[in-house]
C-alpha cells in the first residue's frame, strides 16, 4: 500500500466525524449514522485506490452506501480491502455520551477476514504480552500472564470489559482474581486498541461483541504491535453456515491475529466524535471552524500519527452543510 493512503483515509474519518457530530445529543442515532456514512462515502470518491468494502454497513439491499462488496476510490492505485464503521457508537452520539468515533481499516486485497455480522469472542493485549495469550485459557491464567508481561502486580492489572449481562460471570471472576475492572458501554474498537497505548492504563480487553468490529480492531492492534485472538459465535445454523461459506469448516475455530489481518501491513484511521480516552471529540469553535482529533497508523512502518485539525466548514459545504 502507498504511504499516502494513510493520510487520505484520515481525511475520510474527519469528514464523517464532523458530519455526525452535528447530531450529538439530539437523540437521533439513525440521522447521525447517515451523516457519517454520507460524508465518508463522498471522500472515498477522490482517493486513488481500488478499494473493496469487506466490512461495511451491511449487504447491498440493507445499506445504500458503504455496503459489503462496494467498490471505492478512483479505480487507480493500490488494490485494498476496506473495513469501515462510519460511526462506532450511534447510540453514544444520540445520547451525548463519550467514546464515539469514526473508523476505517485498510489492508492489501485479500488480507482482512470477511467477518459476517454476528457475535465474536475477542481478546486483545499490548506489545509486551504479544504471543503469550490464548483465548482458550481461563481468565485467571491470562491475568497472571498479563501481569508478568507488563511487570505489574495482579492488583494493578486493568481489564476492560463491555458492560453487558453476558459478561457478568467474567467480571466476577476478574474481580475475584484481584484485578481491576473497567466497564464500558459501546465501542469495543477503542477498547481493544487502548490495550496497546500505555497512557490509557488498560492491560487487557476481553469479551464478546460484534465480529466486524473485531476485524477493524485487529487492524489497529496490529499497527500498534499488540496481539489479538478471536472466535466466531454463531447463534444458529444459518450463522454457522455463513461461517462455512467463508471457508471456516469449523465455525468455532480459534482465529489468530494473522487470521484476522493477514500479512505485515495494515492501516488504521479514526477520528473522535465525542470525548474519549483515545481521542478528543469534535469541537465547533465558532466562526465557521470545527476542530478534530484523529489517529492514523500503519503496521509496516510502526508510525503512529495523532492529528489535530481545524476545518473551515464554509469551504466544505458539500460535506458539512447542515
Protein backbone atom coordinates (compact mmCIF):
# COMPACT_ATOMS: atom_id res chain seq x y z
CA UNK A 1 0.00 0.00 0.00
CA UNK A 2 1.14 3.53 -0.71
CA UNK A 3 2.02 5.53 2.40
CA UNK A 4 -0.05 8.44 1.11
CA UNK A 5 -3.15 6.28 1.54
CA UNK A 6 -2.99 6.62 5.31
CA UNK A 7 -3.47 10.39 5.22
CA UNK A 8 -6.20 10.11 2.60
CA UNK A 9 -8.13 7.72 4.82
CA UNK A 10 -7.93 10.01 7.84
CA UNK A 11 -9.49 12.78 5.73
CA UNK A 12 -12.48 10.46 5.31
CA UNK A 13 -12.79 9.77 9.06
CA UNK A 14 -12.53 13.52 9.75
CA UNK A 15 -15.37 14.30 7.35
CA UNK A 16 -17.55 11.59 8.87
CA UNK A 17 -16.81 12.78 12.41
CA UNK A 18 -17.68 16.42 11.76
CA UNK A 19 -20.87 15.49 9.91
CA UNK A 20 -22.12 13.14 12.63
CA UNK A 21 -21.09 15.48 15.46
CA UNK A 22 -23.83 17.89 14.35
CA UNK A 23 -26.25 15.27 15.71
CA UNK A 24 -24.59 14.85 19.10
CA UNK A 25 -27.14 14.81 21.91
CA UNK A 26 -30.16 15.18 19.64
CA UNK A 27 -31.49 11.67 20.29
CA UNK A 28 -31.39 10.68 16.62
CA UNK A 29 -28.94 7.84 16.09
CA UNK A 30 -30.03 6.99 12.54
CA UNK A 31 -29.55 10.56 11.36
CA UNK A 32 -26.08 10.65 12.95
CA UNK A 33 -25.10 7.39 11.28
CA UNK A 34 -26.44 8.54 7.91
CA UNK A 35 -24.50 11.80 8.14
CA UNK A 36 -21.26 9.96 8.90
CA UNK A 37 -21.79 7.41 6.13
CA UNK A 38 -22.66 10.01 3.50
CA UNK A 39 -19.64 12.19 4.28
CA UNK A 40 -17.24 9.25 4.37
CA UNK A 41 -18.60 7.92 1.08
CA UNK A 42 -18.11 11.29 -0.58
CA UNK A 43 -14.45 11.45 0.49
CA UNK A 44 -13.74 7.92 -0.75
CA UNK A 45 -14.64 9.01 -4.30
CA UNK A 46 -11.43 11.08 -4.56
CA UNK A 47 -8.95 8.56 -3.09
CA UNK A 48 -6.53 6.93 -5.56
CA UNK A 49 -7.13 3.25 -4.84
CA UNK A 50 -9.02 0.17 -5.97
CA UNK A 51 -10.91 -0.39 -2.75
CA UNK A 52 -13.46 -3.08 -1.96
CA UNK A 53 -15.61 -2.94 1.16
CA UNK A 54 -15.28 -6.24 3.03
CA UNK A 55 -16.79 -4.96 6.27
CA UNK A 56 -19.38 -2.21 5.96
CA UNK A 57 -22.90 -1.14 6.74
CA UNK A 58 -24.45 -4.42 5.58
CA UNK A 59 -25.36 -6.10 2.31
CA UNK A 60 -26.39 -4.14 -0.78
CA UNK A 61 -30.12 -4.45 -0.06
CA UNK A 62 -29.59 -3.32 3.56
CA UNK A 63 -27.28 -0.35 3.04
CA UNK A 64 -27.46 2.16 0.18
CA UNK A 65 -23.85 3.21 0.78
CA UNK A 66 -20.69 1.53 2.04
CA UNK A 67 -22.22 -1.91 1.61
CA UNK A 68 -20.17 -5.10 1.54
CA UNK A 69 -18.71 -5.60 -1.91
CA UNK A 70 -18.96 -1.93 -2.91
CA UNK A 71 -16.04 -0.56 -4.95
CA UNK A 72 -14.41 2.58 -3.58
CA UNK A 73 -11.86 5.03 -4.87
CA UNK A 74 -10.88 6.25 -8.30
CA UNK A 75 -10.03 2.76 -9.57
CA UNK A 76 -6.37 3.68 -9.87
CA UNK A 77 -3.82 2.88 -7.18
CA UNK A 78 -3.36 0.02 -4.70
CA UNK A 79 -5.91 -2.81 -4.55
CA UNK A 80 -7.08 -2.89 -0.94
CA UNK A 81 -9.68 -4.37 1.38
CA UNK A 82 -11.60 -1.69 3.26
CA UNK A 83 -13.35 -2.17 6.61
CA UNK A 84 -15.46 0.74 7.79
CA UNK A 85 -17.51 1.73 10.79
CA UNK A 86 -18.67 5.20 9.73
CA UNK A 87 -19.90 5.84 13.26
CA UNK A 88 -18.89 3.49 16.03
CA UNK A 89 -21.34 4.45 18.73
CA UNK A 90 -24.56 5.67 17.13
CA UNK A 91 -26.35 5.49 20.48
CA UNK A 92 -23.41 7.25 22.12
CA UNK A 93 -23.76 10.23 19.79
CA UNK A 94 -27.55 10.32 20.12
CA UNK A 95 -27.24 10.49 23.91
CA UNK A 96 -24.18 12.73 24.03
CA UNK A 97 -22.04 10.14 25.82
CA UNK A 98 -18.29 9.54 25.48
CA UNK A 99 -16.16 7.38 23.17
CA UNK A 100 -17.88 7.64 19.77
CA UNK A 101 -15.56 7.73 16.76
CA UNK A 102 -15.41 7.14 13.02
CA UNK A 103 -13.13 4.31 11.86
CA UNK A 104 -11.52 2.89 8.72
CA UNK A 105 -9.11 -0.04 8.38
CA UNK A 106 -7.35 -1.00 5.15
CA UNK A 107 -5.06 -3.80 4.06
CA UNK A 108 -3.83 -5.38 0.83
CA UNK A 109 -6.50 -7.20 -1.15
CA UNK A 110 -7.42 -10.49 0.48
CA UNK A 111 -5.86 -9.64 3.85
CA UNK A 112 -8.90 -8.84 6.02
CA UNK A 113 -11.19 -11.56 7.36
CA UNK A 114 -14.61 -11.14 5.77
CA UNK A 115 -16.36 -11.44 9.11
CA UNK A 116 -20.14 -11.83 8.99
CA UNK A 117 -22.35 -9.71 11.22
CA UNK A 118 -22.50 -11.98 14.25
CA UNK A 119 -21.01 -12.30 17.72
CA UNK A 120 -17.31 -12.88 18.23
CA UNK A 121 -15.29 -13.68 21.35
CA UNK A 122 -12.20 -11.45 21.48
CA UNK A 123 -9.07 -10.86 23.47
CA UNK A 124 -6.54 -8.08 22.85
CA UNK A 125 -3.28 -7.06 24.55
CA UNK A 126 -0.36 -4.71 24.00
CA UNK A 127 3.09 -5.47 22.67
CA UNK A 128 4.61 -6.79 25.90
CA UNK A 129 2.10 -9.65 26.03
CA UNK A 130 2.22 -10.37 22.29
CA UNK A 131 2.47 -14.08 21.57
CA UNK A 132 1.69 -15.02 25.18
CA UNK A 133 -2.12 -15.01 25.22
CA UNK A 134 -4.59 -17.74 24.36
CA UNK A 135 -8.32 -17.08 24.19
CA UNK A 136 -8.91 -20.63 25.43
CA UNK A 137 -7.02 -20.03 28.69
CA UNK A 138 -9.10 -19.35 31.81
CA UNK A 139 -9.21 -15.67 32.66
CA UNK A 140 -7.30 -16.25 35.89
CA UNK A 141 -4.29 -17.66 33.99
CA UNK A 142 -4.50 -14.87 31.42
CA UNK A 143 -4.35 -12.22 34.15
CA UNK A 144 -1.24 -13.84 35.62
CA UNK A 145 0.39 -13.84 32.18
CA UNK A 146 -0.52 -10.19 31.57
CA UNK A 147 0.76 -9.13 35.00
CA UNK A 148 4.13 -10.78 34.37
CA UNK A 149 4.43 -9.47 30.81
CA UNK A 150 3.65 -5.89 31.85
CA UNK A 151 5.73 -6.05 35.04
CA UNK A 152 2.73 -5.33 37.25
CA UNK A 153 1.15 -6.83 40.33
CA UNK A 154 -2.11 -8.63 39.66
CA UNK A 155 -3.88 -5.98 41.76
CA UNK A 156 -2.60 -3.30 39.36
CA UNK A 157 -3.76 -5.05 36.16
CA UNK A 158 -6.72 -3.31 34.50
CA UNK A 159 -9.11 -5.35 32.34
CA UNK A 160 -11.63 -3.55 30.17
CA UNK A 161 -14.95 -5.34 29.61
CA UNK A 162 -18.17 -4.29 27.93
CA UNK A 163 -20.95 -3.84 30.48
CA UNK A 164 -23.42 -6.49 29.37
CA UNK A 165 -25.29 -9.24 31.28
CA UNK A 166 -23.44 -11.89 29.22
CA UNK A 167 -20.16 -10.74 30.80
CA UNK A 168 -21.22 -10.77 34.45
CA UNK A 169 -19.60 -14.11 35.29
CA UNK A 170 -16.40 -12.99 33.58
CA UNK A 171 -16.42 -9.72 35.53
CA UNK A 172 -16.97 -11.57 38.81
CA UNK A 173 -14.01 -13.88 38.11
CA UNK A 174 -11.71 -10.98 37.24
CA UNK A 175 -12.60 -9.23 40.47
CA UNK A 176 -12.19 -12.43 42.46
CA UNK A 177 -8.70 -12.80 40.99
CA UNK A 178 -7.89 -9.35 42.33
CA UNK A 179 -7.51 -7.41 39.06
CA UNK A 180 -9.24 -4.11 38.34
CA UNK A 181 -12.24 -3.97 36.01
CA UNK A 182 -13.05 -1.01 33.79
CA UNK A 183 -16.52 -1.22 32.25
CA UNK A 184 -17.66 0.49 29.06
CA UNK A 185 -20.97 0.73 27.24
CA UNK A 186 -20.46 0.77 23.48
CA UNK A 187 -17.44 1.00 21.22
CA UNK A 188 -15.18 -2.03 21.60
CA UNK A 189 -12.82 -0.98 18.79
CA UNK A 190 -11.45 1.76 21.01
CA UNK A 191 -11.38 -0.61 24.00
CA UNK A 192 -9.24 -3.11 22.09
CA UNK A 193 -6.78 -0.50 20.89
CA UNK A 194 -6.49 1.01 24.37
CA UNK A 195 -4.53 -2.07 25.48
CA UNK A 196 -1.70 -1.04 23.14
CA UNK A 197 -1.35 2.55 24.36
CA UNK A 198 0.42 2.86 27.75
CA UNK A 199 -1.19 6.18 28.66
CA UNK A 200 -4.64 4.51 28.88
CA UNK A 201 -3.56 2.18 31.69
CA UNK A 202 -5.54 -0.69 30.09
CA UNK A 203 -3.76 -4.06 30.07
CA UNK A 204 -6.33 -6.48 28.67
CA UNK A 205 -9.52 -6.37 26.62
CA UNK A 206 -11.75 -9.45 26.67
CA UNK A 207 -15.37 -10.22 25.92
CA UNK A 208 -17.95 -10.99 23.26
CA UNK A 209 -19.06 -8.37 20.75
CA UNK A 210 -19.55 -7.75 17.06
CA UNK A 211 -17.37 -9.67 14.61
CA UNK A 212 -16.96 -6.80 12.10
CA UNK A 213 -15.71 -4.53 14.89
CA UNK A 214 -13.30 -7.29 15.88
CA UNK A 215 -11.59 -7.26 12.49
CA UNK A 216 -11.36 -3.46 12.46
CA UNK A 217 -9.86 -3.52 15.94
CA UNK A 218 -7.39 -6.23 14.91
CA UNK A 219 -6.00 -3.91 12.22
CA UNK A 220 -5.43 -1.18 14.79
CA UNK A 221 -3.86 -3.59 17.28
CA UNK A 222 -1.52 -4.88 14.54
CA UNK A 223 -0.42 -1.33 13.75
CA UNK A 224 0.50 -0.83 17.41
CA UNK A 225 2.40 -4.10 17.75
CA UNK A 226 -0.12 -5.79 20.01
CA UNK A 227 -1.85 -9.15 19.73
CA UNK A 228 -5.41 -10.31 19.30
CA UNK A 229 -7.30 -13.60 19.05
CA UNK A 230 -10.96 -14.30 18.38
CA UNK A 231 -13.61 -16.92 17.81
CA UNK A 232 -16.90 -16.50 15.95
CA UNK A 233 -20.00 -17.35 17.98
CA UNK A 234 -22.83 -18.30 15.59
CA UNK A 235 -26.24 -18.19 17.26
CA UNK A 236 -27.99 -20.63 14.92
CA UNK A 237 -27.40 -22.93 11.95
CA UNK A 238 -27.86 -20.07 9.44
CA UNK A 239 -25.00 -18.16 11.03
CA UNK A 240 -22.89 -21.31 11.22
CA UNK A 241 -23.45 -21.83 7.50
CA UNK A 242 -22.30 -18.28 6.80
CA UNK A 243 -19.06 -19.13 8.59
CA UNK A 244 -18.59 -22.23 6.45
CA UNK A 245 -19.20 -20.15 3.32
CA UNK A 246 -16.24 -18.01 4.45
CA UNK A 247 -14.08 -21.12 4.39
CA UNK A 248 -14.22 -21.92 8.11
CA UNK A 249 -15.03 -25.63 8.18
CA UNK A 250 -15.20 -25.33 11.96
CA UNK A 251 -17.22 -22.16 12.70
CA UNK A 252 -15.88 -22.12 16.27
CA UNK A 253 -12.19 -22.40 15.42
CA UNK A 254 -9.70 -20.16 17.17
CA UNK A 255 -8.71 -17.22 14.95
CA UNK A 256 -5.21 -15.87 15.45
CA UNK A 257 -4.20 -12.29 14.75
CA UNK A 258 -2.89 -13.36 11.34
CA UNK A 259 -6.26 -14.96 10.53
CA UNK A 260 -7.97 -11.64 11.26
CA UNK A 261 -5.45 -9.48 9.38
CA UNK A 262 -3.03 -11.37 7.15
CA UNK A 263 0.48 -10.16 6.34
CA UNK A 264 2.62 -7.48 7.91
CA UNK A 265 0.82 -4.37 6.75
CA UNK A 266 -2.41 -2.60 7.62
CA UNK A 267 -3.62 0.97 8.01
CA UNK A 268 -5.97 2.17 10.74
CA UNK A 269 -7.52 5.64 10.90
CA UNK A 270 -10.02 7.05 13.38
CA UNK A 271 -11.41 10.44 14.38
CA UNK A 272 -13.17 11.20 17.66
CA UNK A 273 -16.79 12.33 17.53
CA UNK A 274 -17.40 12.65 21.26
CA UNK A 275 -14.81 12.82 24.05
CA UNK A 276 -12.92 9.59 24.67
CA UNK A 277 -9.84 8.11 26.29
CA UNK A 278 -8.13 7.71 22.92
CA UNK A 279 -9.35 10.80 21.06
CA UNK A 280 -11.00 14.13 21.83
CA UNK A 281 -14.40 14.83 20.33
CA UNK A 282 -15.30 17.28 17.57
CA UNK A 283 -15.49 20.85 18.79
CA UNK A 284 -17.35 23.61 16.97
CA UNK A 285 -15.24 26.68 17.74
CA UNK A 286 -17.41 29.39 16.24
CA UNK A 287 -16.55 31.47 13.24
CA UNK A 288 -17.28 28.50 10.99
CA UNK A 289 -14.44 26.39 12.43
CA UNK A 290 -14.54 22.79 13.68
CA UNK A 291 -11.65 21.04 15.41
CA UNK A 292 -11.00 17.30 15.07
CA UNK A 293 -8.65 14.89 16.82
CA UNK A 294 -7.54 11.81 14.88
CA UNK A 295 -5.13 8.90 14.93
CA UNK A 296 -3.70 7.22 11.85
CA UNK A 297 -1.15 4.42 11.89
CA UNK A 298 0.49 1.83 9.70
CA UNK A 299 1.67 -1.63 10.71
CA UNK A 300 4.53 -1.94 8.20
CA UNK A 301 6.40 1.11 9.49
CA UNK A 302 5.01 1.31 13.02
CA UNK A 303 4.31 5.00 12.50
CA UNK A 304 1.54 6.44 14.67
CA UNK A 305 0.30 9.96 13.99
CA UNK A 306 -2.05 11.98 16.18
CA UNK A 307 -3.55 14.73 14.06
CA UNK A 308 -5.39 17.79 15.31
CA UNK A 309 -7.04 19.73 12.51
CA UNK A 310 -9.18 22.84 12.08
CA UNK A 311 -11.81 22.69 9.34
CA UNK A 312 -13.35 25.75 7.68
CA UNK A 313 -16.90 24.48 7.29
CA UNK A 314 -17.90 27.02 4.67
CA UNK A 315 -15.19 25.67 2.37
CA UNK A 316 -16.62 22.14 2.69
CA UNK A 317 -20.30 22.90 2.48
CA UNK A 318 -20.89 19.79 0.34
CA UNK A 319 -19.93 17.73 3.40
CA UNK A 320 -20.96 19.82 6.37
CA UNK A 321 -23.94 21.87 5.20
CA UNK A 322 -26.44 21.19 7.98
